[in-house]
């Protein structure tokens, strides 16, 4: 049997690779105007790498604390919401759709963190970076909507 850490990593990779915008859709997104105050957007891939690492540690801690497939399904749903933000935004070519997807992911992560807190406080706390980042990303997307008229 595969160790839990490997199963979680493989499933994360499958979801991340499976829910990705096409190259042309992503190039569309890259071509959009961004707010003048946003100078850090080149760092976003690193930010997301760190967010996925936090997600990984949270799900692994939740597994070790509970051994529950229900929690793993909840984490899989969160991962799909996290990943669908960019896919929906790029596929629909509508920044308001991306903003809504971003906020739905945030709300779901908040519910997951509160539900997880009694099971594993550390697992719940590892979701905090995503909960802090997502409103910022939603704000950026909303501002981009106003700049690009989409």
Protein backbone atom coordinates (compact mmCIF):
# COMPACT_ATOMS: atom_id res chain seq x y z
CA UNK A 1 0.00 0.00 0.00
CA UNK A 2 1.20 3.51 -0.82
CA UNK A 3 1.99 5.85 2.07
CA UNK A 4 -0.56 8.64 2.64
CA UNK A 5 1.93 11.41 1.84
CA UNK A 6 2.45 9.96 -1.64
CA UNK A 7 -1.25 9.38 -2.30
CA UNK A 8 -2.02 13.00 -1.40
CA UNK A 9 0.80 14.30 -3.61
CA UNK A 10 -0.25 12.19 -6.59
CA UNK A 11 -3.90 13.20 -6.24
CA UNK A 12 -2.92 16.85 -5.94
CA UNK A 13 -0.83 16.62 -9.10
CA UNK A 14 -3.64 14.91 -11.01
CA UNK A 15 -6.15 17.61 -10.03
CA UNK A 16 -3.71 20.45 -10.73
CA UNK A 17 -2.80 19.05 -14.14
CA UNK A 18 -6.37 18.09 -14.94
CA UNK A 19 -7.93 21.48 -14.19
CA UNK A 20 -5.70 23.82 -16.12
CA UNK A 21 -6.56 26.44 -18.73
CA UNK A 22 -5.37 25.88 -22.27
CA UNK A 23 -2.28 27.72 -23.40
CA UNK A 24 -4.29 30.17 -25.51
CA UNK A 25 -6.71 30.84 -22.64
CA UNK A 26 -3.84 31.48 -20.26
CA UNK A 27 -2.10 33.76 -22.76
CA UNK A 28 -5.34 35.75 -22.93
CA UNK A 29 -5.20 36.15 -19.16
CA UNK A 30 -1.53 37.15 -19.26
CA UNK A 31 -2.32 39.87 -21.81
CA UNK A 32 -4.81 41.67 -19.56
CA UNK A 33 -4.05 44.99 -17.94
CA UNK A 34 -3.36 44.93 -14.23
CA UNK A 35 -3.72 47.66 -11.61
CA UNK A 36 -0.79 50.09 -11.54
CA UNK A 37 -0.23 49.36 -7.84
CA UNK A 38 0.24 45.65 -8.58
CA UNK A 39 3.98 45.16 -9.00
CA UNK A 40 4.27 41.65 -7.54
CA UNK A 41 2.27 39.64 -10.09
CA UNK A 42 5.47 37.97 -11.35
CA UNK A 43 5.70 36.36 -7.88
CA UNK A 44 2.24 34.77 -8.11
CA UNK A 45 3.52 31.34 -9.28
CA UNK A 46 5.74 31.17 -6.18
CA UNK A 47 2.84 32.29 -3.97
CA UNK A 48 0.67 29.53 -5.41
CA UNK A 49 3.43 26.96 -4.95
CA UNK A 50 3.57 27.93 -1.28
CA UNK A 51 -0.24 27.78 -1.02
CA UNK A 52 -0.24 24.28 -2.48
CA UNK A 53 2.48 23.26 -0.01
CA UNK A 54 0.34 24.57 2.86
CA UNK A 55 -2.65 22.69 1.45
CA UNK A 56 -0.54 19.52 1.30
CA UNK A 57 0.60 19.81 4.92
CA UNK A 58 -2.92 20.59 6.07
CA UNK A 59 -4.39 17.56 4.32
CA UNK A 60 -1.60 15.29 5.55
CA UNK A 61 -2.05 16.45 9.14
CA UNK A 62 -5.81 15.99 8.83
CA UNK A 63 -5.28 12.45 7.56
CA UNK A 64 -2.93 11.55 10.42
CA UNK A 65 -5.33 13.04 12.97
CA UNK A 66 -8.50 11.41 11.64
CA UNK A 67 -7.76 8.63 9.13
CA UNK A 68 -11.03 9.78 7.58
CA UNK A 69 -11.75 9.63 3.86
CA UNK A 70 -14.47 12.21 4.46
CA UNK A 71 -11.84 14.78 5.32
CA UNK A 72 -9.81 13.76 2.29
CA UNK A 73 -12.88 14.25 0.09
CA UNK A 74 -13.36 17.68 1.64
CA UNK A 75 -9.75 18.54 0.82
CA UNK A 76 -10.16 17.24 -2.73
CA UNK A 77 -13.17 19.53 -3.15
CA UNK A 78 -11.15 22.48 -1.87
CA UNK A 79 -8.32 21.67 -4.24
CA UNK A 80 -10.75 21.55 -7.16
CA UNK A 81 -12.15 24.93 -6.13
CA UNK A 82 -8.65 26.37 -5.78
CA UNK A 83 -7.66 25.13 -9.20
CA UNK A 84 -10.92 26.01 -10.92
CA UNK A 85 -10.42 29.73 -10.21
CA UNK A 86 -7.85 30.13 -13.00
CA UNK A 87 -9.52 27.60 -15.28
CA UNK A 88 -12.95 29.25 -15.05
CA UNK A 89 -11.53 32.73 -15.38
CA UNK A 90 -9.48 31.84 -18.46
CA UNK A 91 -12.02 29.52 -20.06
CA UNK A 92 -14.95 31.93 -19.72
CA UNK A 93 -12.71 34.94 -20.38
CA UNK A 94 -14.73 36.75 -17.74
CA UNK A 95 -12.97 38.20 -14.75
CA UNK A 96 -16.18 38.41 -12.73
CA UNK A 97 -16.53 34.63 -13.04
CA UNK A 98 -13.00 34.27 -11.68
CA UNK A 99 -13.75 36.61 -8.80
CA UNK A 100 -16.84 34.61 -7.84
CA UNK A 101 -14.93 31.30 -8.07
CA UNK A 102 -12.18 32.79 -5.92
CA UNK A 103 -14.64 33.86 -3.22
CA UNK A 104 -16.48 30.51 -3.28
CA UNK A 105 -13.12 28.78 -2.71
CA UNK A 106 -12.39 31.13 0.18
CA UNK A 107 -15.80 30.51 1.81
CA UNK A 108 -15.40 26.75 1.44
CA UNK A 109 -11.87 26.87 2.91
CA UNK A 110 -13.17 28.89 5.85
CA UNK A 111 -15.88 26.31 6.57
CA UNK A 112 -13.32 23.52 6.18
CA UNK A 113 -10.88 25.21 8.56
CA UNK A 114 -13.55 25.73 11.22
CA UNK A 115 -14.77 22.16 10.85
CA UNK A 116 -11.24 20.82 10.96
CA UNK A 117 -10.17 22.82 14.00
CA UNK A 118 -11.49 20.30 16.59
CA UNK A 119 -9.90 17.41 14.66
CA UNK A 120 -6.50 19.00 14.10
CA UNK A 121 -5.72 22.58 14.98
CA UNK A 122 -2.46 22.49 13.07
CA UNK A 123 -4.22 21.20 9.93
CA UNK A 124 -6.74 24.04 10.21
CA UNK A 125 -3.95 26.61 10.69
CA UNK A 126 -2.14 25.41 7.56
CA UNK A 127 -5.18 26.67 5.61
CA UNK A 128 -4.63 30.19 6.94
CA UNK A 129 -2.26 31.31 4.13
CA UNK A 130 -4.90 30.43 1.53
CA UNK A 131 -7.57 32.20 3.58
CA UNK A 132 -5.39 35.32 3.74
CA UNK A 133 -4.31 35.27 0.10
CA UNK A 134 -7.64 34.58 -1.57
CA UNK A 135 -9.38 37.89 -0.72
CA UNK A 136 -6.33 39.73 -2.07
CA UNK A 137 -6.46 37.73 -5.30
CA UNK A 138 -10.22 38.33 -5.59
CA UNK A 139 -9.61 42.07 -5.20
CA UNK A 140 -6.96 42.00 -7.92
CA UNK A 141 -9.26 40.08 -10.25
CA UNK A 142 -12.12 42.49 -9.56
CA UNK A 143 -9.88 45.49 -10.25
CA UNK A 144 -8.65 43.84 -13.45
CA UNK A 145 -12.28 43.45 -14.48
CA UNK A 146 -12.77 47.19 -14.21
CA UNK A 147 -9.55 47.89 -16.17
CA UNK A 148 -10.31 45.43 -18.95
CA UNK A 149 -14.08 45.78 -19.17
CA UNK A 150 -14.73 42.06 -18.65
